[in-house]
Each structure stands twice: as C-alpha cells, then as structure tokens.
Amino acid sequence: MPAEVHLLWYVREREQEEDIELLIGVYESVQDANAAIERLRIKAGFADFPQGFEIATYEINKDHWTDGFRIDRSLD
C-alpha cells in the first residue's frame, strides 16, 4: 500500500456561474494521475480548458484538516 496517494482534480473558476470542481480520481503515483490527464484532455469540456487539471498529493493515515470549523449562519 502506498504511503501517499495523488488526487486528480479538475477545477475551473467562472465569473458568472458556479465554479466547476470535479474529483476525477485517486492514483498511486503522479505518473498514473498524469496518464489520466492525457486520456481526459481531449474529452468534451476538458478540451476547452485543459489547464484546469490539478494533482494534489496526500499522505495516507494522517489528518489533513486539524482545525475545527465555523458555520456562518448569516449565509443560511
């Protein structure tokens, strides 16, 4: 089992609409994530904005969010 995994995201910020944030997959290596990008970059939507792919590396069996959080009730 790998000590870390690589999450492949597709993120596109848009001014007039909601941003697009898609978790594409979780891979054992950066090379595997890059291979997925190569497979997807020609697909509809991705081809229009190919720079939206991001790879994030995470160590497994580790807390990555260690603080609490607050809910802003004024947004409800």
PDB file of N, CA and C in Angstrom:
ATOM      1  N   MET A   1       0.845  -1.186   0.000  1.00  0.00           N
ATOM      2  CA  MET A   1       0.000   0.000   0.000  1.00  0.00           C
ATOM      3  C   MET A   1       0.886   1.243   0.000  1.00  0.00           C
ATOM      4  N   PRO A   2       0.578   2.231  -0.838  1.00  0.00           N
ATOM      5  CA  PRO A   2       1.431   3.419  -0.897  1.00  0.00           C
ATOM      6  C   PRO A   2       1.296   4.271   0.363  1.00  0.00           C
ATOM      7  N   ALA A   3       2.354   4.994   0.695  1.00  0.00           N
ATOM      8  CA  ALA A   3       2.335   5.891   1.846  1.00  0.00           C
ATOM      9  C   ALA A   3       1.626   7.196   1.507  1.00  0.00           C
ATOM     10  N   GLU A   4       1.416   7.432   0.206  1.00  0.00           N
ATOM     11  CA  GLU A   4       0.703   8.617  -0.220  1.00  0.00           C
ATOM     12  C   GLU A   4      -0.116   8.299  -1.462  1.00  0.00           C
ATOM     13  N   VAL A   5      -1.122   9.118  -1.705  1.00  0.00           N
ATOM     14  CA  VAL A   5      -1.942   8.984  -2.894  1.00  0.00           C
ATOM     15  C   VAL A   5      -1.987  10.339  -3.590  1.00  0.00           C
ATOM     16  N   HIS A   6      -2.417  10.307  -4.831  1.00  0.00           N
ATOM     17  CA  HIS A   6      -2.439  11.524  -5.644  1.00  0.00           C
ATOM     18  C   HIS A   6      -3.858  11.716  -6.176  1.00  0.00           C
ATOM     19  N   LEU A   7      -4.479  12.795  -5.733  1.00  0.00           N
ATOM     20  CA  LEU A   7      -5.842  13.110  -6.146  1.00  0.00           C
ATOM     21  C   LEU A   7      -5.781  13.985  -7.385  1.00  0.00           C
ATOM     22  N   LEU A   8      -6.535  13.599  -8.388  1.00  0.00           N
ATOM     23  CA  LEU A   8      -6.611  14.387  -9.616  1.00  0.00           C
ATOM     24  C   LEU A   8      -7.920  15.154  -9.605  1.00  0.00           C
ATOM     25  N   TRP A   9      -7.801  16.457  -9.630  1.00  0.00           N
ATOM     26  CA  TRP A   9      -8.946  17.362  -9.641  1.00  0.00           C
ATOM     27  C   TRP A   9      -9.010  18.092 -10.970  1.00  0.00           C
ATOM     28  N   TYR A  10     -10.201  18.485 -11.315  1.00  0.00           N
ATOM     29  CA  TYR A  10     -10.395  19.413 -12.430  1.00  0.00           C
ATOM     30  C   TYR A  10     -11.122  20.610 -11.843  1.00  0.00           C
ATOM     31  N   VAL A  11     -10.515  21.787 -11.966  1.00  0.00           N
ATOM     32  CA  VAL A  11     -11.056  22.998 -11.362  1.00  0.00           C
ATOM     33  C   VAL A  11     -11.115  24.092 -12.415  1.00  0.00           C
ATOM     34  N   ARG A  12     -12.285  24.714 -12.521  1.00  0.00           N
ATOM     35  CA  ARG A  12     -12.424  25.850 -13.430  1.00  0.00           C
ATOM     36  C   ARG A  12     -13.259  26.914 -12.734  1.00  0.00           C
ATOM     37  N   GLU A  13     -12.631  28.064 -12.525  1.00  0.00           N
ATOM     38  CA  GLU A  13     -13.334  29.188 -11.918  1.00  0.00           C
ATOM     39  C   GLU A  13     -14.083  29.939 -13.006  1.00  0.00           C
ATOM     40  N   ARG A  14     -15.338  30.285 -12.698  1.00  0.00           N
ATOM     41  CA  ARG A  14     -16.154  31.004 -13.669  1.00  0.00           C
ATOM     42  C   ARG A  14     -16.759  32.233 -12.993  1.00  0.00           C
ATOM     43  N   GLU A  15     -16.786  33.348 -13.710  1.00  0.00           N
ATOM     44  CA  GLU A  15     -17.256  34.604 -13.132  1.00  0.00           C
ATOM     45  C   GLU A  15     -18.764  34.648 -12.936  1.00  0.00           C
ATOM     46  N   GLN A  16     -19.522  34.260 -13.919  1.00  0.00           N
ATOM     47  CA  GLN A  16     -20.974  34.417 -13.884  1.00  0.00           C
ATOM     48  C   GLN A  16     -21.721  33.181 -13.390  1.00  0.00           C
ATOM     49  N   GLU A  17     -21.025  32.071 -13.244  1.00  0.00           N
ATOM     50  CA  GLU A  17     -21.655  30.826 -12.822  1.00  0.00           C
ATOM     51  C   GLU A  17     -20.857  30.198 -11.697  1.00  0.00           C
ATOM     52  N   GLU A  18     -21.409  29.138 -11.127  1.00  0.00           N
ATOM     53  CA  GLU A  18     -20.689  28.395 -10.098  1.00  0.00           C
ATOM     54  C   GLU A  18     -19.416  27.804 -10.665  1.00  0.00           C
ATOM     55  N   ASP A  19     -18.366  27.790  -9.843  1.00  0.00           N
ATOM     56  CA  ASP A  19     -17.117  27.157 -10.255  1.00  0.00           C
ATOM     57  C   ASP A  19     -17.342  25.663 -10.472  1.00  0.00           C
ATOM     58  N   ILE A  20     -16.510  25.070 -11.294  1.00  0.00           N
ATOM     59  CA  ILE A  20     -16.545  23.627 -11.518  1.00  0.00           C
ATOM     60  C   ILE A  20     -15.396  23.013 -10.731  1.00  0.00           C
ATOM     61  N   GLU A  21     -15.680  22.064  -9.863  1.00  0.00           N
ATOM     62  CA  GLU A  21     -14.662  21.335  -9.107  1.00  0.00           C
ATOM     63  C   GLU A  21     -15.024  19.857  -9.160  1.00  0.00           C
ATOM     64  N   LEU A  22     -14.246  19.085  -9.892  1.00  0.00           N
ATOM     65  CA  LEU A  22     -14.518  17.662 -10.064  1.00  0.00           C
ATOM     66  C   LEU A  22     -13.350  16.843  -9.530  1.00  0.00           C
ATOM     67  N   LEU A  23     -13.624  15.905  -8.648  1.00  0.00           N
ATOM     68  CA  LEU A  23     -12.595  14.948  -8.245  1.00  0.00           C
ATOM     69  C   LEU A  23     -12.617  13.841  -9.286  1.00  0.00           C
ATOM     70  N   ILE A  24     -11.581  13.777 -10.101  1.00  0.00           N
ATOM     71  CA  ILE A  24     -11.508  12.808 -11.191  1.00  0.00           C
ATOM     72  C   ILE A  24     -11.171  11.419 -10.675  1.00  0.00           C
ATOM     73  N   GLY A  25     -10.171  11.325  -9.784  1.00  0.00           N
ATOM     74  CA  GLY A  25      -9.784  10.019  -9.279  1.00  0.00           C
ATOM     75  C   GLY A  25      -8.636  10.110  -8.288  1.00  0.00           C
ATOM     76  N   VAL A  26      -8.311   8.969  -7.713  1.00  0.00           N
ATOM     77  CA  VAL A  26      -7.226   8.841  -6.741  1.00  0.00           C
ATOM     78  C   VAL A  26      -6.252   7.807  -7.288  1.00  0.00           C
ATOM     79  N   TYR A  27      -4.966   8.158  -7.339  1.00  0.00           N
ATOM     80  CA  TYR A  27      -3.966   7.333  -8.019  1.00  0.00           C
ATOM     81  C   TYR A  27      -2.782   7.045  -7.106  1.00  0.00           C
ATOM     82  N   GLU A  28      -2.128   5.920  -7.391  1.00  0.00           N
ATOM     83  CA  GLU A  28      -0.963   5.515  -6.601  1.00  0.00           C
ATOM     84  C   GLU A  28       0.274   6.340  -6.917  1.00  0.00           C
ATOM     85  N   SER A  29       0.362   6.891  -8.118  1.00  0.00           N
ATOM     86  CA  SER A  29       1.558   7.650  -8.489  1.00  0.00           C
ATOM     87  C   SER A  29       1.169   8.891  -9.294  1.00  0.00           C
ATOM     88  N   VAL A  30       2.064   9.847  -9.308  1.00  0.00           N
ATOM     89  CA  VAL A  30       1.871  11.044 -10.127  1.00  0.00           C
ATOM     90  C   VAL A  30       1.807  10.652 -11.600  1.00  0.00           C
ATOM     91  N   GLN A  31       2.580   9.651 -11.982  1.00  0.00           N
ATOM     92  CA  GLN A  31       2.569   9.187 -13.371  1.00  0.00           C
ATOM     93  C   GLN A  31       1.189   8.663 -13.760  1.00  0.00           C
ATOM     94  N   ASP A  32       0.535   7.932 -12.855  1.00  0.00           N
ATOM     95  CA  ASP A  32      -0.815   7.436 -13.121  1.00  0.00           C
ATOM     96  C   ASP A  32      -1.805   8.597 -13.261  1.00  0.00           C
ATOM     97  N   ALA A  33      -1.672   9.603 -12.414  1.00  0.00           N
ATOM     98  CA  ALA A  33      -2.549  10.772 -12.498  1.00  0.00           C
ATOM     99  C   ALA A  33      -2.318  11.516 -13.810  1.00  0.00           C
ATOM    100  N   ASN A  34      -1.060  11.662 -14.202  1.00  0.00           N
ATOM    101  CA  ASN A  34      -0.751  12.329 -15.475  1.00  0.00           C
ATOM    102  C   ASN A  34      -1.280  11.535 -16.670  1.00  0.00           C
ATOM    103  N   ALA A  35      -1.267  10.219 -16.572  1.00  0.00           N
ATOM    104  CA  ALA A  35      -1.812   9.386 -17.642  1.00  0.00           C
ATOM    105  C   ALA A  35      -3.322   9.618 -17.759  1.00  0.00           C
ATOM    106  N   ALA A  36      -3.995   9.799 -16.631  1.00  0.00           N
ATOM    107  CA  ALA A  36      -5.430  10.089 -16.656  1.00  0.00           C
ATOM    108  C   ALA A  36      -5.688  11.438 -17.322  1.00  0.00           C
ATOM    109  N   ILE A  37      -4.847  12.414 -17.032  1.00  0.00           N
ATOM    110  CA  ILE A  37      -4.984  13.725 -17.688  1.00  0.00           C
ATOM    111  C   ILE A  37      -4.878  13.564 -19.195  1.00  0.00           C
ATOM    112  N   GLU A  38      -3.907  12.792 -19.648  1.00  0.00           N
ATOM    113  CA  GLU A  38      -3.734  12.581 -21.092  1.00  0.00           C
ATOM    114  C   GLU A  38      -4.962  11.913 -21.710  1.00  0.00           C
ATOM    115  N   ARG A  39      -5.577  10.993 -20.984  1.00  0.00           N
ATOM    116  CA  ARG A  39      -6.784  10.330 -21.500  1.00  0.00           C
ATOM    117  C   ARG A  39      -7.968  11.285 -21.569  1.00  0.00           C
ATOM    118  N   LEU A  40      -8.042  12.225 -20.612  1.00  0.00           N
ATOM    119  CA  LEU A  40      -9.218  13.083 -20.489  1.00  0.00           C
ATOM    120  C   LEU A  40      -9.125  14.410 -21.231  1.00  0.00           C
ATOM    121  N   ARG A  41      -7.922  14.891 -21.489  1.00  0.00           N
ATOM    122  CA  ARG A  41      -7.771  16.243 -22.024  1.00  0.00           C
ATOM    123  C   ARG A  41      -8.422  16.451 -23.388  1.00  0.00           C
ATOM    124  N   ILE A  42      -8.759  15.374 -24.089  1.00  0.00           N
ATOM    125  CA  ILE A  42      -9.413  15.512 -25.391  1.00  0.00           C
ATOM    126  C   ILE A  42     -10.939  15.386 -25.293  1.00  0.00           C
ATOM    127  N   LYS A  43     -11.447  15.084 -24.113  1.00  0.00           N
ATOM    128  CA  LYS A  43     -12.885  14.890 -23.925  1.00  0.00           C
ATOM    129  C   LYS A  43     -13.620  16.235 -23.861  1.00  0.00           C
ATOM    130  N   ALA A  44     -14.902  16.187 -24.157  1.00  0.00           N
ATOM    131  CA  ALA A  44     -15.735  17.387 -24.126  1.00  0.00           C
ATOM    132  C   ALA A  44     -15.610  18.109 -22.783  1.00  0.00           C
ATOM    133  N   GLY A  45     -15.508  19.415 -22.832  1.00  0.00           N
ATOM    134  CA  GLY A  45     -15.366  20.223 -21.623  1.00  0.00           C
ATOM    135  C   GLY A  45     -13.921  20.361 -21.207  1.00  0.00           C
ATOM    136  N   PHE A  46     -13.250  19.249 -21.014  1.00  0.00           N
ATOM    137  CA  PHE A  46     -11.832  19.292 -20.630  1.00  0.00           C
ATOM    138  C   PHE A  46     -10.990  19.904 -21.743  1.00  0.00           C
ATOM    139  N   ALA A  47     -11.311  19.592 -22.984  1.00  0.00           N
ATOM    140  CA  ALA A  47     -10.543  20.107 -24.128  1.00  0.00           C
ATOM    141  C   ALA A  47     -10.641  21.626 -24.227  1.00  0.00           C
ATOM    142  N   ASP A  48     -11.759  22.200 -23.745  1.00  0.00           N
ATOM    143  CA  ASP A  48     -11.944  23.654 -23.798  1.00  0.00           C
ATOM    144  C   ASP A  48     -11.115  24.390 -22.753  1.00  0.00           C
ATOM    145  N   PHE A  49     -10.721  23.723 -21.706  1.00  0.00           N
ATOM    146  CA  PHE A  49      -9.981  24.345 -20.609  1.00  0.00           C
ATOM    147  C   PHE A  49      -9.004  23.326 -20.028  1.00  0.00           C
ATOM    148  N   PRO A  50      -7.994  22.898 -20.820  1.00  0.00           N
ATOM    149  CA  PRO A  50      -7.102  21.821 -20.391  1.00  0.00           C
ATOM    150  C   PRO A  50      -6.202  22.184 -19.206  1.00  0.00           C
ATOM    151  N   GLN A  51      -6.042  23.462 -18.922  1.00  0.00           N
ATOM    152  CA  GLN A  51      -5.181  23.858 -17.801  1.00  0.00           C
ATOM    153  C   GLN A  51      -5.876  23.700 -16.445  1.00  0.00           C
ATOM    154  N   GLY A  52      -7.109  23.190 -16.434  1.00  0.00           N
ATOM    155  CA  GLY A  52      -7.852  23.040 -15.190  1.00  0.00           C
ATOM    156  C   GLY A  52      -7.490  21.821 -14.355  1.00  0.00           C
ATOM    157  N   PHE A  53      -6.618  20.967 -14.845  1.00  0.00           N
ATOM    158  CA  PHE A  53      -6.244  19.767 -14.087  1.00  0.00           C
ATOM    159  C   PHE A  53      -5.252  20.105 -12.979  1.00  0.00           C
ATOM    160  N   GLU A  54      -5.473  19.516 -11.804  1.00  0.00           N
ATOM    161  CA  GLU A  54      -4.575  19.714 -10.663  1.00  0.00           C
ATOM    162  C   GLU A  54      -4.358  18.374  -9.967  1.00  0.00           C
ATOM    163  N   ILE A  55      -3.123  18.118  -9.578  1.00  0.00           N
ATOM    164  CA  ILE A  55      -2.794  16.905  -8.822  1.00  0.00           C
ATOM    165  C   ILE A  55      -2.402  17.324  -7.413  1.00  0.00           C
ATOM    166  N   ALA A  56      -3.060  16.742  -6.423  1.00  0.00           N
ATOM    167  CA  ALA A  56      -2.750  17.022  -5.025  1.00  0.00           C
ATOM    168  C   ALA A  56      -2.290  15.724  -4.370  1.00  0.00           C
ATOM    169  N   THR A  57      -1.141  15.777  -3.708  1.00  0.00           N
ATOM    170  CA  THR A  57      -0.577  14.601  -3.059  1.00  0.00           C
ATOM    171  C   THR A  57      -0.938  14.615  -1.575  1.00  0.00           C
ATOM    172  N   TYR A  58      -1.444  13.481  -1.095  1.00  0.00           N
ATOM    173  CA  TYR A  58      -1.837  13.349   0.302  1.00  0.00           C
ATOM    174  C   TYR A  58      -1.186  12.130   0.916  1.00  0.00           C
ATOM    175  N   GLU A  59      -0.612  12.335   2.101  1.00  0.00           N
ATOM    176  CA  GLU A  59      -0.103  11.219   2.896  1.00  0.00           C
ATOM    177  C   GLU A  59      -1.311  10.490   3.481  1.00  0.00           C
ATOM    178  N   ILE A  60      -1.308   9.167   3.424  1.00  0.00           N
ATOM    179  CA  ILE A  60      -2.445   8.421   3.960  1.00  0.00           C
ATOM    180  C   ILE A  60      -2.282   8.197   5.461  1.00  0.00           C
ATOM    181  N   ASN A  61      -3.387   7.878   6.117  1.00  0.00           N
ATOM    182  CA  ASN A  61      -3.435   7.652   7.562  1.00  0.00           C
ATOM    183  C   ASN A  61      -2.946   8.861   8.353  1.00  0.00           C
ATOM    184  N   LYS A  62      -3.289  10.044   7.855  1.00  0.00           N
ATOM    185  CA  LYS A  62      -2.902  11.292   8.506  1.00  0.00           C
ATOM    186  C   LYS A  62      -4.079  12.253   8.416  1.00  0.00           C
ATOM    187  N   ASP A  63      -4.341  12.983   9.497  1.00  0.00           N
ATOM    188  CA  ASP A  63      -5.374  14.015   9.468  1.00  0.00           C
ATOM    189  C   ASP A  63      -4.833  15.199   8.671  1.00  0.00           C
ATOM    190  N   HIS A  64      -5.590  15.644   7.695  1.00  0.00           N
ATOM    191  CA  HIS A  64      -5.157  16.777   6.886  1.00  0.00           C
ATOM    192  C   HIS A  64      -5.915  18.051   7.228  1.00  0.00           C
ATOM    193  N   TRP A  65      -7.016  17.916   7.939  1.00  0.00           N
ATOM    194  CA  TRP A  65      -7.741  19.078   8.439  1.00  0.00           C
ATOM    195  C   TRP A  65      -7.747  18.930   9.951  1.00  0.00           C
ATOM    196  N   THR A  66      -6.927  19.717  10.630  1.00  0.00           N
ATOM    197  CA  THR A  66      -6.758  19.529  12.077  1.00  0.00           C
ATOM    198  C   THR A  66      -7.458  20.593  12.904  1.00  0.00           C
ATOM    199  N   ASP A  67      -8.044  21.596  12.264  1.00  0.00           N
ATOM    200  CA  ASP A  67      -8.783  22.631  12.974  1.00  0.00           C
ATOM    201  C   ASP A  67     -10.273  22.322  12.887  1.00  0.00           C
ATOM    202  N   GLY A  68     -11.025  22.951  13.735  1.00  0.00           N
ATOM    203  CA  GLY A  68     -12.476  22.852  13.641  1.00  0.00           C
ATOM    204  C   GLY A  68     -12.958  23.750  12.508  1.00  0.00           C
ATOM    205  N   PHE A  69     -14.257  24.053  12.530  1.00  0.00           N
ATOM    206  CA  PHE A  69     -14.790  24.979  11.541  1.00  0.00           C
ATOM    207  C   PHE A  69     -15.972  25.713  12.135  1.00  0.00           C
ATOM    208  N   ARG A  70     -16.277  26.862  11.554  1.00  0.00           N
ATOM    209  CA  ARG A  70     -17.418  27.674  11.980  1.00  0.00           C
ATOM    210  C   ARG A  70     -18.419  27.742  10.851  1.00  0.00           C
ATOM    211  N   ILE A  71     -19.666  27.716  11.196  1.00  0.00           N
ATOM    212  CA  ILE A  71     -20.726  27.899  10.221  1.00  0.00           C
ATOM    213  C   ILE A  71     -21.198  29.341  10.319  1.00  0.00           C
ATOM    214  N   ASP A  72     -21.161  30.035   9.195  1.00  0.00           N
ATOM    215  CA  ASP A  72     -21.624  31.414   9.151  1.00  0.00           C
ATOM    216  C   ASP A  72     -23.141  31.388   8.957  1.00  0.00           C
ATOM    217  N   ARG A  73     -23.883  31.585  10.033  1.00  0.00           N
ATOM    218  CA  ARG A  73     -25.351  31.493   9.997  1.00  0.00           C
ATOM    219  C   ARG A  73     -25.972  32.605   9.152  1.00  0.00           C
ATOM    220  N   SER A  74     -25.237  33.674   8.869  1.00  0.00           N
ATOM    221  CA  SER A  74     -25.800  34.754   8.044  1.00  0.00           C
ATOM    222  C   SER A  74     -25.961  34.329   6.596  1.00  0.00           C
ATOM    223  N   LEU A  75     -25.324  33.231   6.213  1.00  0.00           N
ATOM    224  CA  LEU A  75     -25.433  32.743   4.835  1.00  0.00           C
ATOM    225  C   LEU A  75     -26.587  31.777   4.652  1.00  0.00           C
ATOM    226  N   ASP A  76     -27.221  31.346   5.760  1.00  0.00           N
ATOM    227  CA  ASP A  76     -28.359  30.402   5.665  1.00  0.00           C
ATOM    228  C   ASP A  76     -29.593  31.083   5.112  1.00  0.00           C
TER     229      ASP A  76
END
